[in-house]
């Protein structure tokens, strides 16, 4: 019975860890890129104090060379940086763009419009 309870607890904890939490949608954009050799773009995202290959970093590959923006989600809280490169089908990669920086609030936005709707006297 103890083993079954331990298995159940382990499954419950695993299910809880996999549940999606709140997130923020981030949209990055860039000027149109015109180069016949381009096969796409790589967007590197990392914690501001980290590296683009370290813990918490992400790499997004965009194969639509006509694209001028990309959308992704990120967890609340933290400061981030991003850069992008263009790449060819042969694997050549351009030098990186300028780095952009931003901070994501640690909580979801507060509700708005909260007010008293009525005051009723009850004798």
PDB file of N, CA and C in Angstrom:
ATOM      1  N   UNK A   1       0.810  -1.191   0.000  1.00  0.00           N
ATOM      2  CA  UNK A   1       0.000   0.000   0.000  1.00  0.00           C
ATOM      3  C   UNK A   1       0.862   1.268   0.000  1.00  0.00           C
ATOM      4  N   UNK A   2       1.977   1.254   0.771  1.00  0.00           N
ATOM      5  CA  UNK A   2       2.859   2.412   0.812  1.00  0.00           C
ATOM      6  C   UNK A   2       3.469   2.671  -0.558  1.00  0.00           C
ATOM      7  N   UNK A   3       3.822   1.594  -1.265  1.00  0.00           N
ATOM      8  CA  UNK A   3       4.422   1.756  -2.598  1.00  0.00           C
ATOM      9  C   UNK A   3       3.425   2.390  -3.555  1.00  0.00           C
ATOM     10  N   UNK A   4       2.168   1.943  -3.506  1.00  0.00           N
ATOM     11  CA  UNK A   4       1.125   2.506  -4.364  1.00  0.00           C
ATOM     12  C   UNK A   4       0.923   3.985  -4.057  1.00  0.00           C
ATOM     13  N   UNK A   5       0.917   4.349  -2.771  1.00  0.00           N
ATOM     14  CA  UNK A   5       0.765   5.750  -2.383  1.00  0.00           C
ATOM     15  C   UNK A   5       1.944   6.572  -2.891  1.00  0.00           C
ATOM     16  N   UNK A   6       3.152   6.022  -2.802  1.00  0.00           N
ATOM     17  CA  UNK A   6       4.342   6.732  -3.280  1.00  0.00           C
ATOM     18  C   UNK A   6       4.277   6.928  -4.793  1.00  0.00           C
ATOM     19  N   UNK A   7       3.819   5.916  -5.514  1.00  0.00           N
ATOM     20  CA  UNK A   7       3.671   6.042  -6.975  1.00  0.00           C
ATOM     21  C   UNK A   7       2.635   7.102  -7.304  1.00  0.00           C
ATOM     22  N   UNK A   8       1.502   7.090  -6.606  1.00  0.00           N
ATOM     23  CA  UNK A   8       0.449   8.071  -6.843  1.00  0.00           C
ATOM     24  C   UNK A   8       0.959   9.483  -6.558  1.00  0.00           C
ATOM     25  N   UNK A   9       1.668   9.658  -5.427  1.00  0.00           N
ATOM     26  CA  UNK A   9       2.220  10.960  -5.079  1.00  0.00           C
ATOM     27  C   UNK A   9       3.209  11.419  -6.147  1.00  0.00           C
ATOM     28  N   UNK A  10       4.050  10.507  -6.617  1.00  0.00           N
ATOM     29  CA  UNK A  10       5.009  10.846  -7.672  1.00  0.00           C
ATOM     30  C   UNK A  10       4.312  11.282  -8.948  1.00  0.00           C
ATOM     31  N   UNK A  11       3.235  10.587  -9.314  1.00  0.00           N
ATOM     32  CA  UNK A  11       2.478  10.967 -10.509  1.00  0.00           C
ATOM     33  C   UNK A  11       1.798  12.307 -10.320  1.00  0.00           C
ATOM     34  N   UNK A  12       1.261  12.554  -9.120  1.00  0.00           N
ATOM     35  CA  UNK A  12       0.597  13.829  -8.856  1.00  0.00           C
ATOM     36  C   UNK A  12       1.593  14.977  -8.936  1.00  0.00           C
ATOM     37  N   UNK A  13       2.784  14.787  -8.365  1.00  0.00           N
ATOM     38  CA  UNK A  13       3.800  15.832  -8.435  1.00  0.00           C
ATOM     39  C   UNK A  13       4.259  16.062  -9.864  1.00  0.00           C
ATOM     40  N   UNK A  14       4.418  14.997 -10.637  1.00  0.00           N
ATOM     41  CA  UNK A  14       4.829  15.139 -12.038  1.00  0.00           C
ATOM     42  C   UNK A  14       3.762  15.877 -12.825  1.00  0.00           C
ATOM     43  N   UNK A  15       2.494  15.553 -12.586  1.00  0.00           N
ATOM     44  CA  UNK A  15       1.408  16.230 -13.303  1.00  0.00           C
ATOM     45  C   UNK A  15       1.377  17.703 -12.936  1.00  0.00           C
ATOM     46  N   UNK A  16       1.596  18.027 -11.662  1.00  0.00           N
ATOM     47  CA  UNK A  16       1.592  19.416 -11.232  1.00  0.00           C
ATOM     48  C   UNK A  16       2.752  20.176 -11.869  1.00  0.00           C
ATOM     49  N   UNK A  17       3.915  19.564 -11.958  1.00  0.00           N
ATOM     50  CA  UNK A  17       5.087  20.219 -12.532  1.00  0.00           C
ATOM     51  C   UNK A  17       4.900  20.507 -14.015  1.00  0.00           C
ATOM     52  N   UNK A  18       4.084  19.708 -14.702  1.00  0.00           N
ATOM     53  CA  UNK A  18       3.898  19.886 -16.134  1.00  0.00           C
ATOM     54  C   UNK A  18       2.766  20.834 -16.471  1.00  0.00           C
ATOM     55  N   UNK A  19       1.969  21.224 -15.484  1.00  0.00           N
ATOM     56  CA  UNK A  19       0.840  22.115 -15.747  1.00  0.00           C
ATOM     57  C   UNK A  19       1.368  23.465 -16.223  1.00  0.00           C
ATOM     58  N   UNK A  20       0.793  24.003 -17.287  1.00  0.00           N
ATOM     59  CA  UNK A  20       1.265  25.297 -17.778  1.00  0.00           C
ATOM     60  C   UNK A  20       0.882  26.410 -16.812  1.00  0.00           C
ATOM     61  N   UNK A  21       1.794  27.318 -16.607  1.00  0.00           N
ATOM     62  CA  UNK A  21       1.528  28.458 -15.751  1.00  0.00           C
ATOM     63  C   UNK A  21       1.237  29.680 -16.588  1.00  0.00           C
ATOM     64  N   UNK A  22       1.094  30.818 -15.952  1.00  0.00           N
ATOM     65  CA  UNK A  22       0.858  32.048 -16.709  1.00  0.00           C
ATOM     66  C   UNK A  22       2.088  32.383 -17.554  1.00  0.00           C
ATOM     67  N   UNK A  23       1.883  33.091 -18.615  1.00  0.00           N
ATOM     68  CA  UNK A  23       2.999  33.477 -19.475  1.00  0.00           C
ATOM     69  C   UNK A  23       2.708  34.816 -20.126  1.00  0.00           C
ATOM     70  N   UNK A  24       3.727  35.409 -20.686  1.00  0.00           N
ATOM     71  CA  UNK A  24       3.597  36.643 -21.448  1.00  0.00           C
ATOM     72  C   UNK A  24       3.957  36.346 -22.896  1.00  0.00           C
ATOM     73  N   UNK A  25       3.247  36.974 -23.807  1.00  0.00           N
ATOM     74  CA  UNK A  25       3.547  36.848 -25.223  1.00  0.00           C
ATOM     75  C   UNK A  25       4.510  37.970 -25.599  1.00  0.00           C
ATOM     76  N   UNK A  26       5.593  37.611 -26.225  1.00  0.00           N
ATOM     77  CA  UNK A  26       6.604  38.567 -26.670  1.00  0.00           C
ATOM     78  C   UNK A  26       6.595  38.577 -28.196  1.00  0.00           C
ATOM     79  N   UNK A  27       6.583  39.757 -28.786  1.00  0.00           N
ATOM     80  CA  UNK A  27       6.663  39.894 -30.243  1.00  0.00           C
ATOM     81  C   UNK A  27       7.914  40.694 -30.561  1.00  0.00           C
ATOM     82  N   UNK A  28       8.811  40.103 -31.336  1.00  0.00           N
ATOM     83  CA  UNK A  28       9.991  40.821 -31.809  1.00  0.00           C
ATOM     84  C   UNK A  28       9.796  41.078 -33.303  1.00  0.00           C
ATOM     85  N   UNK A  29      10.328  42.188 -33.772  1.00  0.00           N
ATOM     86  CA  UNK A  29      10.174  42.510 -35.199  1.00  0.00           C
ATOM     87  C   UNK A  29      11.471  43.101 -35.725  1.00  0.00           C
ATOM     88  N   UNK A  30      11.604  43.092 -37.054  1.00  0.00           N
ATOM     89  CA  UNK A  30      12.809  43.587 -37.710  1.00  0.00           C
ATOM     90  C   UNK A  30      12.452  44.112 -39.088  1.00  0.00           C
ATOM     91  N   UNK A  31      13.385  44.828 -39.676  1.00  0.00           N
ATOM     92  CA  UNK A  31      13.193  45.369 -41.027  1.00  0.00           C
ATOM     93  C   UNK A  31      13.249  44.236 -42.046  1.00  0.00           C
ATOM     94  N   UNK A  32      12.577  44.405 -43.195  1.00  0.00           N
ATOM     95  CA  UNK A  32      12.648  43.361 -44.234  1.00  0.00           C
ATOM     96  C   UNK A  32      14.100  43.047 -44.586  1.00  0.00           C
ATOM     97  N   UNK A  33      14.370  41.765 -44.797  1.00  0.00           N
ATOM     98  CA  UNK A  33      15.729  41.302 -45.092  1.00  0.00           C
ATOM     99  C   UNK A  33      15.744  40.792 -46.524  1.00  0.00           C
ATOM    100  N   UNK A  34      16.639  41.344 -47.330  1.00  0.00           N
ATOM    101  CA  UNK A  34      16.698  40.952 -48.739  1.00  0.00           C
ATOM    102  C   UNK A  34      18.086  40.404 -49.052  1.00  0.00           C
ATOM    103  N   UNK A  35      18.169  39.085 -49.174  1.00  0.00           N
ATOM    104  CA  UNK A  35      19.394  38.417 -49.587  1.00  0.00           C
ATOM    105  C   UNK A  35      18.964  37.076 -50.158  1.00  0.00           C
ATOM    106  N   UNK A  36      19.237  36.848 -51.427  1.00  0.00           N
ATOM    107  CA  UNK A  36      18.787  35.632 -52.110  1.00  0.00           C
ATOM    108  C   UNK A  36      19.333  34.363 -51.469  1.00  0.00           C
ATOM    109  N   UNK A  37      20.465  34.455 -50.792  1.00  0.00           N
ATOM    110  CA  UNK A  37      21.074  33.263 -50.180  1.00  0.00           C
ATOM    111  C   UNK A  37      20.461  32.912 -48.820  1.00  0.00           C
ATOM    112  N   UNK A  38      19.679  33.817 -48.262  1.00  0.00           N
ATOM    113  CA  UNK A  38      19.124  33.578 -46.925  1.00  0.00           C
ATOM    114  C   UNK A  38      18.115  32.438 -46.938  1.00  0.00           C
ATOM    115  N   UNK A  39      18.215  31.569 -45.931  1.00  0.00           N
ATOM    116  CA  UNK A  39      17.254  30.473 -45.770  1.00  0.00           C
ATOM    117  C   UNK A  39      16.355  30.705 -44.561  1.00  0.00           C
ATOM    118  N   UNK A  40      16.699  31.693 -43.733  1.00  0.00           N
ATOM    119  CA  UNK A  40      15.879  31.984 -42.569  1.00  0.00           C
ATOM    120  C   UNK A  40      16.629  32.785 -41.537  1.00  0.00           C
ATOM    121  N   UNK A  41      16.039  32.825 -40.335  1.00  0.00           N
ATOM    122  CA  UNK A  41      16.594  33.601 -39.236  1.00  0.00           C
ATOM    123  C   UNK A  41      16.673  32.746 -37.984  1.00  0.00           C
ATOM    124  N   UNK A  42      17.639  33.067 -37.132  1.00  0.00           N
ATOM    125  CA  UNK A  42      17.727  32.446 -35.812  1.00  0.00           C
ATOM    126  C   UNK A  42      17.549  33.556 -34.784  1.00  0.00           C
ATOM    127  N   UNK A  43      16.640  33.338 -33.848  1.00  0.00           N
ATOM    128  CA  UNK A  43      16.389  34.299 -32.776  1.00  0.00           C
ATOM    129  C   UNK A  43      16.857  33.662 -31.473  1.00  0.00           C
ATOM    130  N   UNK A  44      17.829  34.291 -30.868  1.00  0.00           N
ATOM    131  CA  UNK A  44      18.418  33.801 -29.622  1.00  0.00           C
ATOM    132  C   UNK A  44      17.836  34.612 -28.465  1.00  0.00           C
ATOM    133  N   UNK A  45      17.335  33.943 -27.435  1.00  0.00           N
ATOM    134  CA  UNK A  45      16.776  34.605 -26.256  1.00  0.00           C
ATOM    135  C   UNK A  45      17.447  34.007 -25.023  1.00  0.00           C
ATOM    136  N   UNK A  46      17.801  34.867 -24.060  1.00  0.00           N
ATOM    137  CA  UNK A  46      18.469  34.389 -22.843  1.00  0.00           C
ATOM    138  C   UNK A  46      18.171  35.328 -21.683  1.00  0.00           C
ATOM    139  N   UNK A  47      18.314  34.827 -20.458  1.00  0.00           N
ATOM    140  CA  UNK A  47      18.246  35.732 -19.310  1.00  0.00           C
ATOM    141  C   UNK A  47      19.330  36.800 -19.463  1.00  0.00           C
ATOM    142  N   UNK A  48      19.039  38.026 -19.064  1.00  0.00           N
ATOM    143  CA  UNK A  48      19.966  39.135 -19.288  1.00  0.00           C
ATOM    144  C   UNK A  48      21.355  38.865 -18.717  1.00  0.00           C
ATOM    145  N   UNK A  49      21.449  38.204 -17.567  1.00  0.00           N
ATOM    146  CA  UNK A  49      22.753  37.934 -16.960  1.00  0.00           C
ATOM    147  C   UNK A  49      23.387  36.640 -17.477  1.00  0.00           C
ATOM    148  N   UNK A  50      22.689  35.906 -18.322  1.00  0.00           N
ATOM    149  CA  UNK A  50      23.197  34.616 -18.791  1.00  0.00           C
ATOM    150  C   UNK A  50      23.782  34.680 -20.193  1.00  0.00           C
ATOM    151  N   UNK A  51      24.035  33.496 -20.740  1.00  0.00           N
ATOM    152  CA  UNK A  51      24.564  33.389 -22.096  1.00  0.00           C
ATOM    153  C   UNK A  51      23.473  32.834 -23.010  1.00  0.00           C
ATOM    154  N   UNK A  52      23.677  32.966 -24.302  1.00  0.00           N
ATOM    155  CA  UNK A  52      22.689  32.487 -25.278  1.00  0.00           C
ATOM    156  C   UNK A  52      22.696  30.972 -25.429  1.00  0.00           C
ATOM    157  N   UNK A  53      23.616  30.297 -24.754  1.00  0.00           N
ATOM    158  CA  UNK A  53      23.639  28.832 -24.788  1.00  0.00           C
ATOM    159  C   UNK A  53      23.480  28.233 -23.395  1.00  0.00           C
ATOM    160  N   UNK A  54      23.299  29.083 -22.382  1.00  0.00           N
ATOM    161  CA  UNK A  54      23.209  28.615 -21.005  1.00  0.00           C
ATOM    162  C   UNK A  54      21.790  28.291 -20.568  1.00  0.00           C
ATOM    163  N   UNK A  55      21.658  28.053 -19.270  1.00  0.00           N
ATOM    164  CA  UNK A  55      20.378  27.712 -18.675  1.00  0.00           C
ATOM    165  C   UNK A  55      19.360  28.829 -18.909  1.00  0.00           C
ATOM    166  N   UNK A  56      18.158  28.450 -19.308  1.00  0.00           N
ATOM    167  CA  UNK A  56      17.087  29.409 -19.543  1.00  0.00           C
ATOM    168  C   UNK A  56      17.109  30.032 -20.927  1.00  0.00           C
ATOM    169  N   UNK A  57      18.103  29.700 -21.745  1.00  0.00           N
ATOM    170  CA  UNK A  57      18.166  30.284 -23.090  1.00  0.00           C
ATOM    171  C   UNK A  57      17.252  29.516 -24.043  1.00  0.00           C
ATOM    172  N   UNK A  58      16.851  30.182 -25.116  1.00  0.00           N
ATOM    173  CA  UNK A  58      15.991  29.575 -26.134  1.00  0.00           C
ATOM    174  C   UNK A  58      16.512  29.970 -27.505  1.00  0.00           C
ATOM    175  N   UNK A  59      16.323  29.097 -28.466  1.00  0.00           N
ATOM    176  CA  UNK A  59      16.666  29.387 -29.857  1.00  0.00           C
ATOM    177  C   UNK A  59      15.433  29.111 -30.700  1.00  0.00           C
ATOM    178  N   UNK A  60      15.007  30.107 -31.463  1.00  0.00           N
ATOM    179  CA  UNK A  60      13.871  29.951 -32.375  1.00  0.00           C
ATOM    180  C   UNK A  60      14.390  30.084 -33.798  1.00  0.00           C
ATOM    181  N   UNK A  61      13.958  29.192 -34.673  1.00  0.00           N
ATOM    182  CA  UNK A  61      14.360  29.233 -36.078  1.00  0.00           C
ATOM    183  C   UNK A  61      13.147  29.614 -36.920  1.00  0.00           C
ATOM    184  N   UNK A  62      13.295  30.662 -37.707  1.00  0.00           N
ATOM    185  CA  UNK A  62      12.230  31.157 -38.589  1.00  0.00           C
ATOM    186  C   UNK A  62      12.681  30.897 -40.013  1.00  0.00           C
ATOM    187  N   UNK A  63      11.965  30.045 -40.748  1.00  0.00           N
ATOM    188  CA  UNK A  63      12.379  29.701 -42.117  1.00  0.00           C
ATOM    189  C   UNK A  63      11.680  30.540 -43.179  1.00  0.00           C
ATOM    190  N   UNK A  64      10.782  31.401 -42.781  1.00  0.00           N
ATOM    191  CA  UNK A  64      10.117  32.295 -43.728  1.00  0.00           C
ATOM    192  C   UNK A  64      10.974  33.555 -43.871  1.00  0.00           C
ATOM    193  N   UNK A  65      11.708  33.667 -44.963  1.00  0.00           N
ATOM    194  CA  UNK A  65      12.622  34.805 -45.138  1.00  0.00           C
ATOM    195  C   UNK A  65      11.887  36.119 -45.405  1.00  0.00           C
ATOM    196  N   UNK A  66      10.596  36.073 -45.677  1.00  0.00           N
ATOM    197  CA  UNK A  66       9.808  37.292 -45.857  1.00  0.00           C
ATOM    198  C   UNK A  66       9.258  37.800 -44.521  1.00  0.00           C
ATOM    199  N   UNK A  67       9.421  37.020 -43.467  1.00  0.00           N
ATOM    200  CA  UNK A  67       8.894  37.408 -42.153  1.00  0.00           C
ATOM    201  C   UNK A  67       9.589  38.664 -41.648  1.00  0.00           C
ATOM    202  N   UNK A  68       8.841  39.467 -40.914  1.00  0.00           N
ATOM    203  CA  UNK A  68       9.412  40.653 -40.264  1.00  0.00           C
ATOM    204  C   UNK A  68       9.057  40.695 -38.780  1.00  0.00           C
ATOM    205  N   UNK A  69       8.499  39.594 -38.254  1.00  0.00           N
ATOM    206  CA  UNK A  69       8.242  39.515 -36.821  1.00  0.00           C
ATOM    207  C   UNK A  69       8.120  38.059 -36.399  1.00  0.00           C
ATOM    208  N   UNK A  70       8.207  37.837 -35.093  1.00  0.00           N
ATOM    209  CA  UNK A  70       8.077  36.496 -34.535  1.00  0.00           C
ATOM    210  C   UNK A  70       7.489  36.628 -33.141  1.00  0.00           C
ATOM    211  N   UNK A  71       6.609  35.706 -32.785  1.00  0.00           N
ATOM    212  CA  UNK A  71       5.928  35.723 -31.490  1.00  0.00           C
ATOM    213  C   UNK A  71       6.279  34.467 -30.706  1.00  0.00           C
ATOM    214  N   UNK A  72       6.558  34.636 -29.415  1.00  0.00           N
ATOM    215  CA  UNK A  72       6.815  33.498 -28.536  1.00  0.00           C
ATOM    216  C   UNK A  72       6.337  33.842 -27.139  1.00  0.00           C
ATOM    217  N   UNK A  73       6.283  32.869 -26.260  1.00  0.00           N
ATOM    218  CA  UNK A  73       5.848  33.111 -24.883  1.00  0.00           C
ATOM    219  C   UNK A  73       7.011  32.907 -23.929  1.00  0.00           C
ATOM    220  N   UNK A  74       6.902  33.568 -22.796  1.00  0.00           N
ATOM    221  CA  UNK A  74       7.937  33.480 -21.784  1.00  0.00           C
ATOM    222  C   UNK A  74       7.269  33.585 -20.410  1.00  0.00           C
ATOM    223  N   UNK A  75       7.839  32.929 -19.420  1.00  0.00           N
ATOM    224  CA  UNK A  75       7.270  32.920 -18.076  1.00  0.00           C
ATOM    225  C   UNK A  75       7.400  34.295 -17.422  1.00  0.00           C
ATOM    226  N   UNK A  76       6.489  34.612 -16.502  1.00  0.00           N
ATOM    227  CA  UNK A  76       6.578  35.890 -15.791  1.00  0.00           C
ATOM    228  C   UNK A  76       7.846  35.994 -14.944  1.00  0.00           C
ATOM    229  N   UNK A  77       8.311  37.199 -14.771  1.00  0.00           N
ATOM    230  CA  UNK A  77       9.463  37.469 -13.924  1.00  0.00           C
ATOM    231  C   UNK A  77      10.769  37.312 -14.658  1.00  0.00           C
ATOM    232  N   UNK A  78      11.641  38.268 -14.513  1.00  0.00           N
ATOM    233  CA  UNK A  78      12.964  38.153 -15.108  1.00  0.00           C
ATOM    234  C   UNK A  78      13.254  39.216 -16.140  1.00  0.00           C
ATOM    235  N   UNK A  79      14.534  39.375 -16.393  1.00  0.00           N
ATOM    236  CA  UNK A  79      15.017  40.290 -17.414  1.00  0.00           C
ATOM    237  C   UNK A  79      15.667  39.464 -18.506  1.00  0.00           C
ATOM    238  N   UNK A  80      15.403  39.827 -19.745  1.00  0.00           N
ATOM    239  CA  UNK A  80      15.847  39.025 -20.882  1.00  0.00           C
ATOM    240  C   UNK A  80      16.560  39.879 -21.912  1.00  0.00           C
ATOM    241  N   UNK A  81      17.273  39.186 -22.788  1.00  0.00           N
ATOM    242  CA  UNK A  81      17.931  39.814 -23.926  1.00  0.00           C
ATOM    243  C   UNK A  81      17.714  38.919 -25.134  1.00  0.00           C
ATOM    244  N   UNK A  82      17.829  39.502 -26.323  1.00  0.00           N
ATOM    245  CA  UNK A  82      17.671  38.721 -27.551  1.00  0.00           C
ATOM    246  C   UNK A  82      18.505  39.340 -28.662  1.00  0.00           C
ATOM    247  N   UNK A  83      18.884  38.498 -29.596  1.00  0.00           N
ATOM    248  CA  UNK A  83      19.576  38.931 -30.809  1.00  0.00           C
ATOM    249  C   UNK A  83      19.135  37.984 -31.915  1.00  0.00           C
ATOM    250  N   UNK A  84      19.382  38.364 -33.151  1.00  0.00           N
ATOM    251  CA  UNK A  84      19.029  37.479 -34.253  1.00  0.00           C
ATOM    252  C   UNK A  84      20.105  37.493 -35.321  1.00  0.00           C
ATOM    253  N   UNK A  85      20.128  36.415 -36.100  1.00  0.00           N
ATOM    254  CA  UNK A  85      21.034  36.311 -37.239  1.00  0.00           C
ATOM    255  C   UNK A  85      20.249  35.778 -38.428  1.00  0.00           C
ATOM    256  N   UNK A  86      20.792  35.951 -39.603  1.00  0.00           N
ATOM    257  CA  UNK A  86      20.259  35.311 -40.808  1.00  0.00           C
ATOM    258  C   UNK A  86      21.175  34.125 -41.100  1.00  0.00           C
ATOM    259  N   UNK A  87      20.624  33.091 -41.747  1.00  0.00           N
ATOM    260  CA  UNK A  87      21.463  31.941 -42.088  1.00  0.00           C
ATOM    261  C   UNK A  87      21.140  31.451 -43.491  1.00  0.00           C
ATOM    262  N   UNK A  88      22.117  30.726 -44.085  1.00  0.00           N
ATOM    263  CA  UNK A  88      21.938  30.162 -45.420  1.00  0.00           C
ATOM    264  C   UNK A  88      21.690  28.664 -45.318  1.00  0.00           C
ATOM    265  N   UNK A  89      21.244  28.061 -46.422  1.00  0.00           N
ATOM    266  CA  UNK A  89      21.017  26.613 -46.451  1.00  0.00           C
ATOM    267  C   UNK A  89      22.323  25.854 -46.240  1.00  0.00           C
ATOM    268  N   UNK A  90      23.449  26.462 -46.582  1.00  0.00           N
ATOM    269  CA  UNK A  90      24.749  25.820 -46.406  1.00  0.00           C
ATOM    270  C   UNK A  90      25.262  25.922 -44.969  1.00  0.00           C
ATOM    271  N   UNK A  91      24.516  26.627 -44.104  1.00  0.00           N
ATOM    272  CA  UNK A  91      24.910  26.721 -42.707  1.00  0.00           C
ATOM    273  C   UNK A  91      25.692  27.959 -42.328  1.00  0.00           C
ATOM    274  N   UNK A  92      25.893  28.869 -43.283  1.00  0.00           N
ATOM    275  CA  UNK A  92      26.574  30.119 -42.941  1.00  0.00           C
ATOM    276  C   UNK A  92      25.625  30.988 -42.127  1.00  0.00           C
ATOM    277  N   UNK A  93      26.176  31.711 -41.166  1.00  0.00           N
ATOM    278  CA  UNK A  93      25.348  32.560 -40.310  1.00  0.00           C
ATOM    279  C   UNK A  93      25.912  33.978 -40.308  1.00  0.00           C
ATOM    280  N   UNK A  94      25.033  34.961 -40.401  1.00  0.00           N
ATOM    281  CA  UNK A  94      25.457  36.360 -40.405  1.00  0.00           C
ATOM    282  C   UNK A  94      25.956  36.766 -39.022  1.00  0.00           C
ATOM    283  N   UNK A  95      26.543  37.934 -38.956  1.00  0.00           N
ATOM    284  CA  UNK A  95      26.862  38.483 -37.639  1.00  0.00           C
ATOM    285  C   UNK A  95      25.535  38.840 -36.968  1.00  0.00           C
ATOM    286  N   UNK A  96      25.517  38.913 -35.641  1.00  0.00           N
ATOM    287  CA  UNK A  96      24.245  39.160 -34.952  1.00  0.00           C
ATOM    288  C   UNK A  96      23.760  40.600 -35.083  1.00  0.00           C
ATOM    289  N   UNK A  97      22.466  40.747 -34.948  1.00  0.00           N
ATOM    290  CA  UNK A  97      21.841  42.069 -34.902  1.00  0.00           C
ATOM    291  C   UNK A  97      22.231  42.751 -33.590  1.00  0.00           C
ATOM    292  N   UNK A  98      21.773  43.971 -33.419  1.00  0.00           N
ATOM    293  CA  UNK A  98      21.941  44.605 -32.120  1.00  0.00           C
ATOM    294  C   UNK A  98      21.117  43.810 -31.100  1.00  0.00           C
ATOM    295  N   UNK A  99      21.543  43.851 -29.879  1.00  0.00           N
ATOM    296  CA  UNK A  99      20.868  43.117 -28.804  1.00  0.00           C
ATOM    297  C   UNK A  99      19.723  43.973 -28.270  1.00  0.00           C
ATOM    298  N   UNK A 100      18.588  43.346 -28.004  1.00  0.00           N
ATOM    299  CA  UNK A 100      17.477  44.053 -27.375  1.00  0.00           C
ATOM    300  C   UNK A 100      17.301  43.517 -25.960  1.00  0.00           C
ATOM    301  N   UNK A 101      16.821  44.371 -25.061  1.00  0.00           N
ATOM    302  CA  UNK A 101      16.647  44.015 -23.655  1.00  0.00           C
ATOM    303  C   UNK A 101      15.219  44.331 -23.229  1.00  0.00           C
ATOM    304  N   UNK A 102      14.668  43.531 -22.320  1.00  0.00           N
ATOM    305  CA  UNK A 102      13.359  43.822 -21.753  1.00  0.00           C
ATOM    306  C   UNK A 102      13.193  43.086 -20.437  1.00  0.00           C
ATOM    307  N   UNK A 103      12.216  43.527 -19.651  1.00  0.00           N
ATOM    308  CA  UNK A 103      11.888  42.885 -18.376  1.00  0.00           C
ATOM    309  C   UNK A 103      10.444  42.409 -18.445  1.00  0.00           C
ATOM    310  N   UNK A 104      10.185  41.259 -17.857  1.00  0.00           N
ATOM    311  CA  UNK A 104       8.836  40.702 -17.812  1.00  0.00           C
ATOM    312  C   UNK A 104       8.347  40.802 -16.368  1.00  0.00           C
ATOM    313  N   UNK A 105       7.181  41.417 -16.142  1.00  0.00           N
ATOM    314  CA  UNK A 105       6.675  41.521 -14.766  1.00  0.00           C
ATOM    315  C   UNK A 105       6.573  40.153 -14.098  1.00  0.00           C
ATOM    316  N   UNK A 106       6.717  40.136 -12.768  1.00  0.00           N
ATOM    317  CA  UNK A 106       6.687  38.883 -12.027  1.00  0.00           C
ATOM    318  C   UNK A 106       5.275  38.338 -11.815  1.00  0.00           C
ATOM    319  N   UNK A 107       4.271  39.138 -12.099  1.00  0.00           N
ATOM    320  CA  UNK A 107       2.900  38.665 -11.933  1.00  0.00           C
ATOM    321  C   UNK A 107       2.083  39.072 -13.143  1.00  0.00           C
ATOM    322  N   UNK A 108       0.891  38.550 -13.199  1.00  0.00           N
ATOM    323  CA  UNK A 108       0.006  38.928 -14.296  1.00  0.00           C
ATOM    324  C   UNK A 108      -0.516  40.338 -14.039  1.00  0.00           C
ATOM    325  N   UNK A 109      -1.007  41.029 -15.053  1.00  0.00           N
ATOM    326  CA  UNK A 109      -1.502  42.398 -14.851  1.00  0.00           C
ATOM    327  C   UNK A 109      -2.668  42.431 -13.865  1.00  0.00           C
ATOM    328  N   UNK A 110      -2.743  43.509 -13.108  1.00  0.00           N
ATOM    329  CA  UNK A 110      -3.829  43.686 -12.146  1.00  0.00           C
ATOM    330  C   UNK A 110      -5.149  43.955 -12.871  1.00  0.00           C
ATOM    331  N   UNK A 111      -6.260  43.511 -12.305  1.00  0.00           N
ATOM    332  CA  UNK A 111      -7.566  43.827 -12.887  1.00  0.00           C
ATOM    333  C   UNK A 111      -7.794  45.340 -12.852  1.00  0.00           C
ATOM    334  N   UNK A 112      -8.582  45.833 -13.769  1.00  0.00           N
ATOM    335  CA  UNK A 112      -8.907  47.259 -13.802  1.00  0.00           C
ATOM    336  C   UNK A 112     -10.414  47.442 -13.720  1.00  0.00           C
ATOM    337  N   UNK A 113     -10.826  48.647 -13.441  1.00  0.00           N
ATOM    338  CA  UNK A 113     -12.253  48.972 -13.416  1.00  0.00           C
ATOM    339  C   UNK A 113     -12.966  48.539 -12.145  1.00  0.00           C
ATOM    340  N   UNK A 114     -12.234  48.200 -11.083  1.00  0.00           N
ATOM    341  CA  UNK A 114     -12.844  47.766  -9.829  1.00  0.00           C
ATOM    342  C   UNK A 114     -13.426  48.983  -9.118  1.00  0.00           C
ATOM    343  N   UNK A 115     -14.724  48.929  -8.789  1.00  0.00           N
ATOM    344  CA  UNK A 115     -15.377  50.072  -8.160  1.00  0.00           C
ATOM    345  C   UNK A 115     -16.646  49.612  -7.435  1.00  0.00           C
ATOM    346  N   UNK A 116     -17.210  50.494  -6.634  1.00  0.00           N
ATOM    347  CA  UNK A 116     -18.481  50.223  -5.975  1.00  0.00           C
ATOM    348  C   UNK A 116     -19.587  50.406  -7.001  1.00  0.00           C
ATOM    349  N   UNK A 117     -20.446  49.422  -7.146  1.00  0.00           N
ATOM    350  CA  UNK A 117     -21.535  49.526  -8.115  1.00  0.00           C
ATOM    351  C   UNK A 117     -22.842  50.000  -7.476  1.00  0.00           C
ATOM    352  N   UNK A 118     -23.011  49.680  -6.202  1.00  0.00           N
ATOM    353  CA  UNK A 118     -24.236  50.094  -5.509  1.00  0.00           C
ATOM    354  C   UNK A 118     -24.014  50.078  -4.010  1.00  0.00           C
ATOM    355  N   UNK A 119     -24.736  50.956  -3.312  1.00  0.00           N
ATOM    356  CA  UNK A 119     -24.764  50.950  -1.853  1.00  0.00           C
ATOM    357  C   UNK A 119     -26.234  50.890  -1.468  1.00  0.00           C
ATOM    358  N   UNK A 120     -26.618  49.831  -0.800  1.00  0.00           N
ATOM    359  CA  UNK A 120     -28.040  49.592  -0.487  1.00  0.00           C
ATOM    360  C   UNK A 120     -28.211  49.574   1.023  1.00  0.00           C
ATOM    361  N   UNK A 121     -29.108  50.399   1.502  1.00  0.00           N
ATOM    362  CA  UNK A 121     -29.423  50.427   2.930  1.00  0.00           C
ATOM    363  C   UNK A 121     -30.435  49.344   3.233  1.00  0.00           C
ATOM    364  N   UNK A 122     -30.147  48.536   4.260  1.00  0.00           N
ATOM    365  CA  UNK A 122     -31.062  47.479   4.694  1.00  0.00           C
ATOM    366  C   UNK A 122     -31.383  47.737   6.171  1.00  0.00           C
ATOM    367  N   UNK A 123     -32.647  48.175   6.464  1.00  0.00           N
ATOM    368  CA  UNK A 123     -32.994  48.486   7.875  1.00  0.00           C
ATOM    369  C   UNK A 123     -33.100  47.230   8.725  1.00  0.00           C
TER     370      UNK A 123
END
